[in-house]
């Protein structure tokens, strides 16, 4: 097996220093087969004869005999630097975006020699599940029917007088049993069996084997038949919520459209669109940062239509060309600000007037200002590690008083620190009176 890594937009050689031609073709075929690959797989990988070029997806793509790990990049030079650090940052983004509560064990997993993102996630799942299982499995009463020599529970009269009419030594009993064979545990066991085929690290395999023993009394259910809709997370099973979310990520894969061929042991393709991941992580941080302020954070909301039928007698009512801003900040039913996240680097040179902002992004924000009657707009970009979270530039829109700000958020620092910096950024971004009120509320 050949396992290589590359940054977004990076190149990996086809030849002696990279993948063989057959492996490269297999990876391109996997990209074409992936739901997010586009018609020719070009949204994931492109073929340049002597090398493959990764696009703006992160994660792992697998094919027979090989796998390629694509890691996020913010630094303009594209150098990944310290791989464990880069993987740790990606895990932090996944944690924020998907609410997996991974942060505690991520460093431990990487310290045990996990080779790529998938190995780390499998180890984290095994560690978390084993820790929970040792505290006791969730149980529920289940109805059972069994023919016994002595009465247990209540007698099933109908069955007794039909099936056992000539067998007075057998009693048709119905009773309730407190069992761990519940939908949540069936999902956990299916994940353990499934991941046992993919884990490469010996320590992780040992953890999964121990889990198979712990879950021996739980029914084996195929992944395709798991009772997802019957799983209930309530106050008695709250501590299982994060590990259940991780199982969903690895088994059901609705969020990032991963694929897995059950007929082989080549691994799974686990990919995330980096723009979507960045947006979800920022929205999660904003919710935490603005908690208690009365400001709500709406993702992919608004949904107002741009165009409709024109008349010279009244204002147009939009009916087509629906808009979907990344993030809207609201308070008291009023749209305070619209934020669009962009996973790309701004130019670090302050003498460059446009700072590398795409003209189409500016036009889009101007349309939002008009459609949502909102005068605070922001394009939010990732900051290069160590550069901090700040408002990089404020622009006015010609002919009006709207402000279009360029913001930078440094996601490489501790989550609590990022939240504090984001809160300050929003204070500075909102109108003076509103920002002052917000400071008093959150003080």
Protein backbone atom coordinates (compact mmCIF):
# COMPACT_ATOMS: atom_id res chain seq x y z
CA UNK A 1 0.00 0.00 0.00
CA UNK A 2 1.21 3.48 -0.90
CA UNK A 3 0.00 6.28 1.38
CA UNK A 4 0.98 9.85 0.51
CA UNK A 5 -0.13 13.31 1.60
CA UNK A 6 -0.44 16.64 -0.16
CA UNK A 7 -1.83 20.12 0.65
CA UNK A 8 -4.88 21.56 -1.07
CA UNK A 9 -3.98 22.59 -4.63
CA UNK A 10 -0.73 20.66 -4.19
CA UNK A 11 0.88 18.22 -6.58
CA UNK A 12 1.80 14.58 -6.08
CA UNK A 13 4.13 12.94 -8.58
CA UNK A 14 3.28 10.04 -10.87
CA UNK A 15 6.43 7.96 -11.08
CA UNK A 16 9.24 6.72 -8.82
CA UNK A 17 8.75 9.49 -6.22
CA UNK A 18 4.98 9.19 -6.02
CA UNK A 19 2.16 6.93 -7.20
CA UNK A 20 2.55 4.43 -9.97
CA UNK A 21 0.56 5.05 -13.15
CA UNK A 22 -1.93 2.31 -12.18
CA UNK A 23 -2.39 3.81 -8.71
CA UNK A 24 -2.89 7.30 -10.13
CA UNK A 25 -5.54 6.00 -12.52
CA UNK A 26 -7.26 4.19 -9.63
CA UNK A 27 -7.33 7.39 -7.56
CA UNK A 28 -8.76 9.35 -10.51
CA UNK A 29 -11.42 6.66 -10.94
CA UNK A 30 -12.28 6.96 -7.22
CA UNK A 31 -12.57 10.73 -7.65
CA UNK A 32 -14.89 10.31 -10.64
CA UNK A 33 -17.07 7.87 -8.68
CA UNK A 34 -17.34 10.16 -5.66
CA UNK A 35 -20.58 12.18 -5.30
CA UNK A 36 -18.60 15.42 -4.89
CA UNK A 37 -16.17 14.71 -7.71
CA UNK A 38 -18.17 16.30 -10.50
CA UNK A 39 -18.58 14.70 -13.89
CA UNK A 40 -14.88 13.89 -14.35
CA UNK A 41 -13.71 13.89 -10.73
CA UNK A 42 -12.06 17.26 -11.34
CA UNK A 43 -13.50 18.74 -8.15
CA UNK A 44 -11.22 16.38 -6.17
CA UNK A 45 -8.22 15.51 -8.37
CA UNK A 46 -7.01 16.52 -11.82
CA UNK A 47 -4.62 14.62 -14.06
CA UNK A 48 -1.58 16.50 -15.40
CA UNK A 49 0.19 13.48 -16.93
CA UNK A 50 3.28 13.58 -14.70
CA UNK A 51 1.45 14.55 -11.52
CA UNK A 52 -1.96 14.69 -9.87
CA UNK A 53 -3.21 18.00 -8.52
CA UNK A 54 -5.46 18.15 -5.47
CA UNK A 55 -8.36 20.60 -5.40
CA UNK A 56 -10.13 22.30 -2.48
CA UNK A 57 -11.19 19.11 -0.69
CA UNK A 58 -9.55 17.79 2.46
CA UNK A 59 -9.52 14.31 3.94
CA UNK A 60 -8.55 10.94 2.51
CA UNK A 61 -9.27 9.43 -0.91
CA UNK A 62 -8.64 5.69 -1.21
CA UNK A 63 -8.23 3.28 -4.11
CA UNK A 64 -6.87 -0.28 -4.51
CA UNK A 65 -3.33 -0.34 -3.17
CA UNK A 66 -3.07 3.35 -2.33
CA UNK A 67 -4.54 6.36 -0.57
CA UNK A 68 -3.96 10.10 -0.71
CA UNK A 69 -4.43 12.39 2.27
CA UNK A 70 -5.29 16.00 1.35
CA UNK A 71 -4.61 18.51 4.12
CA UNK A 72 -5.72 22.14 4.54
CA UNK A 73 -3.39 24.98 3.57
CA UNK A 74 -3.46 28.61 4.62
CA UNK A 75 0.16 29.69 4.24
CA UNK A 76 0.71 31.19 0.77
CA UNK A 77 3.87 29.15 0.16
CA UNK A 78 1.85 25.94 0.45
CA UNK A 79 4.31 24.24 2.79
CA UNK A 80 2.51 21.85 5.14
CA UNK A 81 5.27 22.08 7.72
CA UNK A 82 4.69 19.95 10.81
CA UNK A 83 2.19 17.26 9.76
CA UNK A 84 0.83 16.47 13.25
CA UNK A 85 0.11 20.18 13.73
CA UNK A 86 -1.70 20.45 10.38
CA UNK A 87 -3.76 17.33 11.13
CA UNK A 88 -4.54 18.72 14.57
CA UNK A 89 -5.88 21.90 12.97
CA UNK A 90 -8.04 19.88 10.59
CA UNK A 91 -9.43 17.85 13.49
CA UNK A 92 -10.21 21.09 15.33
CA UNK A 93 -12.17 22.30 12.29
CA UNK A 94 -14.09 19.01 12.13
CA UNK A 95 -14.75 19.23 15.85
CA UNK A 96 -16.21 22.73 15.53
CA UNK A 97 -18.15 22.06 12.34
CA UNK A 98 -19.68 18.73 13.35
CA UNK A 99 -19.75 18.95 17.15
CA UNK A 100 -17.71 15.79 17.63
CA UNK A 101 -16.03 16.82 20.90
CA UNK A 102 -12.70 15.46 19.68
CA UNK A 103 -10.27 17.97 21.08
CA UNK A 104 -9.37 16.08 24.27
CA UNK A 105 -8.03 12.94 22.62
CA UNK A 106 -6.70 14.22 19.32
CA UNK A 107 -3.13 14.76 20.46
CA UNK A 108 -3.09 11.37 22.19
CA UNK A 109 -4.20 9.64 19.01
CA UNK A 110 -1.50 11.33 16.94
CA UNK A 111 1.12 10.61 19.58
CA UNK A 112 0.43 6.89 19.11
CA UNK A 113 1.67 7.03 15.53
CA UNK A 114 -1.60 7.36 13.61
CA UNK A 115 -0.64 7.77 9.98
CA UNK A 116 -3.41 9.92 8.53
CA UNK A 117 -6.72 11.58 9.30
CA UNK A 118 -8.72 8.36 9.00
CA UNK A 119 -6.39 6.50 11.39
CA UNK A 120 -6.73 9.34 13.90
CA UNK A 121 -10.54 9.37 13.71
CA UNK A 122 -10.73 5.59 14.10
CA UNK A 123 -8.48 5.68 17.16
CA UNK A 124 -10.46 8.56 18.68
CA UNK A 125 -13.69 6.65 18.15
CA UNK A 126 -12.26 3.49 19.76
CA UNK A 127 -10.86 5.40 22.74
CA UNK A 128 -14.08 7.30 23.38
CA UNK A 129 -16.32 4.27 22.96
CA UNK A 130 -14.21 2.07 25.24
CA UNK A 131 -14.12 4.76 27.95
CA UNK A 132 -17.93 5.03 27.82
CA UNK A 133 -18.46 1.26 27.70
CA UNK A 134 -16.38 0.79 30.84
CA UNK A 135 -18.79 3.10 32.66
CA UNK A 136 -21.71 0.92 31.60
CA UNK A 137 -23.76 0.42 28.45
CA UNK A 138 -27.17 2.09 28.07
CA UNK A 139 -30.02 -0.38 28.60
CA UNK A 140 -33.75 -0.46 27.95
CA UNK A 141 -36.60 -2.85 28.65
CA UNK A 142 -37.50 -5.04 25.69
CA UNK A 143 -40.52 -7.30 25.28
CA UNK A 144 -39.64 -11.00 25.00
CA UNK A 145 -41.69 -14.09 24.23
CA UNK A 146 -40.30 -17.51 25.16
CA UNK A 147 -41.54 -21.01 25.96
CA UNK A 148 -40.30 -21.96 29.45
CA UNK A 149 -40.85 -24.84 31.91
CA UNK A 150 -41.87 -22.34 34.64
CA UNK A 151 -43.87 -19.15 34.40
CA UNK A 152 -41.96 -15.91 33.91
CA UNK A 153 -43.84 -12.66 33.57
CA UNK A 154 -47.32 -13.31 32.21
CA UNK A 155 -48.87 -16.20 30.33
CA UNK A 156 -49.67 -15.81 26.62
CA UNK A 157 -53.10 -17.46 26.73
CA UNK A 158 -53.63 -17.64 22.96
CA UNK A 159 -50.28 -19.33 22.26
CA UNK A 160 -50.66 -21.62 25.28
CA UNK A 161 -54.05 -22.90 24.13
CA UNK A 162 -52.91 -23.40 20.53
CA UNK A 163 -49.23 -24.31 20.29
CA UNK A 164 -48.97 -25.94 23.74
CA UNK A 165 -52.43 -27.39 24.21
CA UNK A 166 -50.89 -30.86 24.47
CA UNK A 167 -47.74 -29.71 26.30
CA UNK A 168 -48.56 -28.80 29.91
CA UNK A 169 -44.81 -28.84 30.67
CA UNK A 170 -44.25 -25.79 28.40
CA UNK A 171 -45.57 -22.36 29.26
CA UNK A 172 -45.81 -19.53 26.70
CA UNK A 173 -44.36 -16.61 28.64
CA UNK A 174 -44.21 -12.89 27.87
CA UNK A 175 -41.87 -10.72 29.91
CA UNK A 176 -39.66 -7.62 29.75
CA UNK A 177 -35.86 -7.84 29.85
CA UNK A 178 -33.46 -5.02 30.63
CA UNK A 179 -31.02 -5.30 27.71
CA UNK A 180 -28.17 -3.38 26.07
CA UNK A 181 -29.25 -4.63 22.66
CA UNK A 182 -30.70 -1.22 21.75
CA UNK A 183 -30.41 0.75 18.45
CA UNK A 184 -27.62 2.98 19.78
CA UNK A 185 -25.47 -0.02 20.71
CA UNK A 186 -26.25 -1.73 17.41
CA UNK A 187 -24.80 1.33 15.65
CA UNK A 188 -21.74 1.21 17.92
CA UNK A 189 -21.13 -2.48 17.25
CA UNK A 190 -21.54 -2.05 13.50
CA UNK A 191 -18.99 0.77 13.61
CA UNK A 192 -16.54 -1.37 15.58
CA UNK A 193 -16.80 -4.29 13.12
CA UNK A 194 -16.59 -1.96 10.11
CA UNK A 195 -13.58 0.00 11.38
CA UNK A 196 -11.74 -3.17 12.43
CA UNK A 197 -11.26 -3.86 8.70
CA UNK A 198 -9.73 -0.43 8.11
CA UNK A 199 -7.54 0.20 11.18
CA UNK A 200 -3.83 -0.15 10.53
CA UNK A 201 -2.24 0.71 13.88
CA UNK A 202 -1.83 -2.31 16.16
CA UNK A 203 -2.93 -0.37 19.26
CA UNK A 204 -6.14 0.69 17.52
CA UNK A 205 -6.86 -2.88 16.43
CA UNK A 206 -6.43 -4.02 20.02
CA UNK A 207 -8.92 -1.40 21.24
CA UNK A 208 -11.45 -2.47 18.62
CA UNK A 209 -11.05 -6.15 19.52
CA UNK A 210 -11.69 -5.33 23.17
CA UNK A 211 -14.82 -3.44 22.10
CA UNK A 212 -16.08 -6.43 20.12
CA UNK A 213 -15.84 -8.49 23.29
CA UNK A 214 -17.63 -5.80 25.35
CA UNK A 215 -20.44 -5.62 22.76
CA UNK A 216 -20.72 -9.40 22.25
CA UNK A 217 -24.35 -9.51 23.43
CA UNK A 218 -25.46 -6.80 20.98
CA UNK A 219 -27.02 -7.97 17.73
CA UNK A 220 -24.88 -7.72 14.58
CA UNK A 221 -26.70 -5.44 12.13
CA UNK A 222 -25.32 -4.67 8.63
CA UNK A 223 -24.38 -1.04 8.07
CA UNK A 224 -27.02 -0.77 5.33
CA UNK A 225 -29.78 -1.86 7.76
CA UNK A 226 -28.84 0.11 10.89
CA UNK A 227 -31.83 1.65 12.76
CA UNK A 228 -30.61 5.27 12.62
CA UNK A 229 -34.11 6.70 13.04
CA UNK A 230 -34.68 4.69 16.23
CA UNK A 231 -31.64 6.02 18.07
CA UNK A 232 -32.69 8.38 20.85
CA UNK A 233 -30.22 10.62 22.68
CA UNK A 234 -31.91 11.79 25.89
CA UNK A 235 -30.71 12.86 29.33
CA UNK A 236 -29.86 9.25 30.24
CA UNK A 237 -27.66 8.80 27.17
CA UNK A 238 -26.35 12.36 26.76
CA UNK A 239 -22.74 11.30 27.28
CA UNK A 240 -22.99 9.12 24.14
CA UNK A 241 -23.91 12.04 21.86
CA UNK A 242 -20.37 12.88 20.69
CA UNK A 243 -19.34 9.28 19.99
CA UNK A 244 -22.64 8.72 18.15
CA UNK A 245 -21.89 11.78 15.97
CA UNK A 246 -18.45 10.30 15.23
CA UNK A 247 -20.02 6.95 14.31
CA UNK A 248 -22.40 8.75 11.94
CA UNK A 249 -19.45 10.53 10.35
CA UNK A 250 -17.63 7.26 9.69
CA UNK A 251 -20.63 5.07 8.84
CA UNK A 252 -23.42 7.15 7.37
CA UNK A 253 -21.33 10.03 6.01
CA UNK A 254 -24.20 12.37 5.06
CA UNK A 255 -22.24 15.58 5.64
CA UNK A 256 -19.24 14.97 3.44
CA UNK A 257 -20.43 12.24 1.07
CA UNK A 258 -17.75 9.64 1.71
CA UNK A 259 -17.73 6.31 -0.08
CA UNK A 260 -16.70 2.80 0.84
CA UNK A 261 -16.52 -0.40 -1.20
CA UNK A 262 -17.58 -3.21 1.14
CA UNK A 263 -16.11 -5.82 -1.22
CA UNK A 264 -12.54 -4.67 -0.64
CA UNK A 265 -10.30 -3.64 2.24
CA UNK A 266 -8.84 -0.60 0.53
CA UNK A 267 -10.26 1.88 3.00
CA UNK A 268 -12.81 4.62 2.64
CA UNK A 269 -12.80 7.96 0.91
CA UNK A 270 -13.56 10.58 3.53
CA UNK A 271 -13.63 14.06 1.99
CA UNK A 272 -14.81 17.48 3.12
CA UNK A 273 -15.26 20.59 0.94
CA UNK A 274 -12.93 23.02 2.67
CA UNK A 275 -15.15 26.05 2.04
CA UNK A 276 -18.11 24.33 3.74
CA UNK A 277 -15.96 23.12 6.61
CA UNK A 278 -14.58 26.61 7.23
CA UNK A 279 -18.06 28.15 7.11
CA UNK A 280 -19.50 25.63 9.58
CA UNK A 281 -16.54 26.06 11.97
CA UNK A 282 -16.86 29.86 11.93
CA UNK A 283 -20.63 29.67 12.52
CA UNK A 284 -20.06 27.38 15.51
CA UNK A 285 -17.45 29.75 16.97
CA UNK A 286 -19.73 32.76 16.45
CA UNK A 287 -22.58 31.04 18.32
CA UNK A 288 -20.30 30.46 21.27
CA UNK A 289 -18.76 33.93 21.09
CA UNK A 290 -22.15 35.69 20.97
CA UNK A 291 -23.87 33.51 23.55
CA UNK A 292 -25.90 35.67 25.93
CA UNK A 293 -25.84 38.71 23.63
CA UNK A 294 -29.28 38.16 22.14
CA UNK A 295 -27.74 37.83 18.68
CA UNK A 296 -28.56 34.65 16.76
CA UNK A 297 -26.37 33.09 14.08
CA UNK A 298 -28.19 31.70 11.04
CA UNK A 299 -26.31 29.55 8.53
CA UNK A 300 -27.39 29.40 4.90
CA UNK A 301 -30.48 31.40 5.82
CA UNK A 302 -32.27 34.40 4.40
CA UNK A 303 -33.46 32.63 1.25
CA UNK A 304 -34.78 35.84 -0.29
CA UNK A 305 -35.30 35.87 -4.05
CA UNK A 306 -33.62 38.48 -6.21
CA UNK A 307 -35.97 38.87 -9.15
CA UNK A 308 -39.68 38.92 -9.87
CA UNK A 309 -42.23 40.43 -12.22
CA UNK A 310 -41.67 44.13 -12.94
CA UNK A 311 -44.42 46.75 -12.84
CA UNK A 312 -44.18 50.53 -12.64
CA UNK A 313 -46.91 50.67 -9.99
CA UNK A 314 -45.37 48.89 -7.02
CA UNK A 315 -42.16 47.41 -5.60
CA UNK A 316 -41.13 44.09 -7.10
CA UNK A 317 -41.66 40.92 -5.09
CA UNK A 318 -38.79 38.47 -5.58
CA UNK A 319 -39.79 35.02 -6.81
CA UNK A 320 -36.71 33.55 -8.53
CA UNK A 321 -32.93 33.44 -8.06
CA UNK A 322 -32.90 32.59 -4.37
CA UNK A 323 -30.02 33.90 -2.25
CA UNK A 324 -28.38 32.01 0.58
CA UNK A 325 -25.85 34.08 2.58
CA UNK A 326 -23.35 31.97 4.52
CA UNK A 327 -24.06 33.58 7.91
CA UNK A 328 -26.61 36.17 9.05
CA UNK A 329 -26.41 37.82 12.49
CA UNK A 330 -29.88 38.73 13.79
CA UNK A 331 -31.37 40.34 16.87
CA UNK A 332 -35.03 41.04 17.53
CA UNK A 333 -36.03 39.92 14.03
CA UNK A 334 -33.62 42.41 12.40
CA UNK A 335 -30.72 41.42 10.15
CA UNK A 336 -27.70 43.09 11.76
CA UNK A 337 -24.92 41.78 9.54
CA UNK A 338 -24.19 39.36 6.73
CA UNK A 339 -20.93 37.39 6.70
CA UNK A 340 -19.64 35.32 3.80
CA UNK A 341 -16.70 33.02 4.57
CA UNK A 342 -13.96 32.46 1.98
CA UNK A 343 -11.30 29.79 2.42
CA UNK A 344 -8.45 31.57 0.64
CA UNK A 345 -5.58 33.84 1.55
CA UNK A 346 -5.82 37.60 1.31
CA UNK A 347 -2.78 39.36 -0.05
CA UNK A 348 -0.49 40.25 2.88
CA UNK A 349 0.69 43.39 1.03
CA UNK A 350 -1.33 46.40 2.31
CA UNK A 351 -0.33 48.38 -0.81
CA UNK A 352 -2.49 46.07 -2.95
CA UNK A 353 -5.82 47.91 -3.00
CA UNK A 354 -8.07 44.92 -3.62
CA UNK A 355 -6.06 42.57 -1.32
CA UNK A 356 -6.91 39.67 -3.64
CA UNK A 357 -10.68 39.90 -3.09
CA UNK A 358 -12.63 38.41 -6.00
CA UNK A 359 -14.76 40.96 -7.83
CA UNK A 360 -17.69 38.55 -7.97
CA UNK A 361 -17.65 38.29 -4.14
CA UNK A 362 -17.95 42.09 -3.89
CA UNK A 363 -20.90 42.15 -6.31
CA UNK A 364 -22.59 39.41 -4.28
CA UNK A 365 -22.22 41.34 -1.02
CA UNK A 366 -23.59 44.50 -2.65
CA UNK A 367 -26.64 42.52 -3.73
CA UNK A 368 -27.11 41.24 -0.16
CA UNK A 369 -26.95 44.81 1.17
CA UNK A 370 -29.83 45.83 -1.09
CA UNK A 371 -31.94 42.68 -0.75
CA UNK A 372 -31.66 42.33 3.06
CA UNK A 373 -31.60 46.07 3.85
CA UNK A 374 -28.38 45.44 5.74
CA UNK A 375 -25.54 47.95 6.04
CA UNK A 376 -22.92 45.73 7.72
CA UNK A 377 -21.28 43.20 5.40
CA UNK A 378 -18.14 41.12 5.86
CA UNK A 379 -16.00 38.79 3.81
CA UNK A 380 -14.22 36.61 6.39
CA UNK A 381 -10.97 34.84 5.49
CA UNK A 382 -8.60 32.54 7.39
CA UNK A 383 -5.57 34.28 8.87
CA UNK A 384 -2.08 32.90 8.46
CA UNK A 385 -1.09 31.13 11.68
CA UNK A 386 -0.08 33.60 14.37
CA UNK A 387 -1.45 36.71 12.63
CA UNK A 388 -4.51 36.92 14.86
CA UNK A 389 -8.21 37.64 14.35
CA UNK A 390 -8.87 41.16 13.15
CA UNK A 391 -10.68 43.48 10.75
CA UNK A 392 -8.15 43.89 7.97
CA UNK A 393 -9.92 46.59 5.94
CA UNK A 394 -13.18 48.55 5.82
CA UNK A 395 -14.66 49.66 2.51
CA UNK A 396 -17.71 51.84 1.85
CA UNK A 397 -20.10 51.06 -0.99
CA UNK A 398 -20.36 53.91 -3.49
CA UNK A 399 -23.54 55.96 -3.20
CA UNK A 400 -24.48 54.69 0.26
CA UNK A 401 -23.40 54.25 3.87
CA UNK A 402 -22.99 50.45 3.86
CA UNK A 403 -19.68 49.03 5.08
CA UNK A 404 -18.00 46.01 3.50
CA UNK A 405 -15.28 44.75 5.86
CA UNK A 406 -12.53 42.23 5.23
CA UNK A 407 -12.08 40.08 8.32
CA UNK A 408 -9.39 37.56 9.25
CA UNK A 409 -9.88 34.74 11.77
CA UNK A 410 -6.95 32.75 13.14
CA UNK A 411 -8.21 29.22 13.81
CA UNK A 412 -4.79 27.91 14.84
CA UNK A 413 -5.06 29.13 18.45
CA UNK A 414 -7.04 27.69 21.36
CA UNK A 415 -10.81 27.67 20.84
CA UNK A 416 -11.51 29.91 23.85
CA UNK A 417 -9.02 32.47 22.56
CA UNK A 418 -10.54 32.43 19.05
CA UNK A 419 -14.01 32.95 20.55
CA UNK A 420 -12.81 35.99 22.50
CA UNK A 421 -11.10 37.45 19.44
CA UNK A 422 -14.20 36.87 17.29
CA UNK A 423 -16.37 38.58 19.90
CA UNK A 424 -14.09 41.63 19.80
CA UNK A 425 -14.16 41.59 16.00
CA UNK A 426 -17.98 41.62 15.99
CA UNK A 427 -18.01 44.47 18.57
CA UNK A 428 -15.84 46.53 16.21
CA UNK A 429 -17.81 45.53 13.14
CA UNK A 430 -21.36 46.34 14.26
CA UNK A 431 -22.58 49.97 14.36
CA UNK A 432 -21.09 51.96 17.26
CA UNK A 433 -24.18 51.99 19.47
CA UNK A 434 -24.95 48.33 18.80
CA UNK A 435 -21.33 47.33 19.48
CA UNK A 436 -21.34 49.26 22.76
CA UNK A 437 -24.59 47.58 23.85
CA UNK A 438 -23.11 44.20 22.99
CA UNK A 439 -20.04 44.88 25.12
CA UNK A 440 -22.24 45.71 28.10
CA UNK A 441 -24.38 42.59 27.63
CA UNK A 442 -21.40 40.21 27.41
CA UNK A 443 -19.23 41.91 30.01
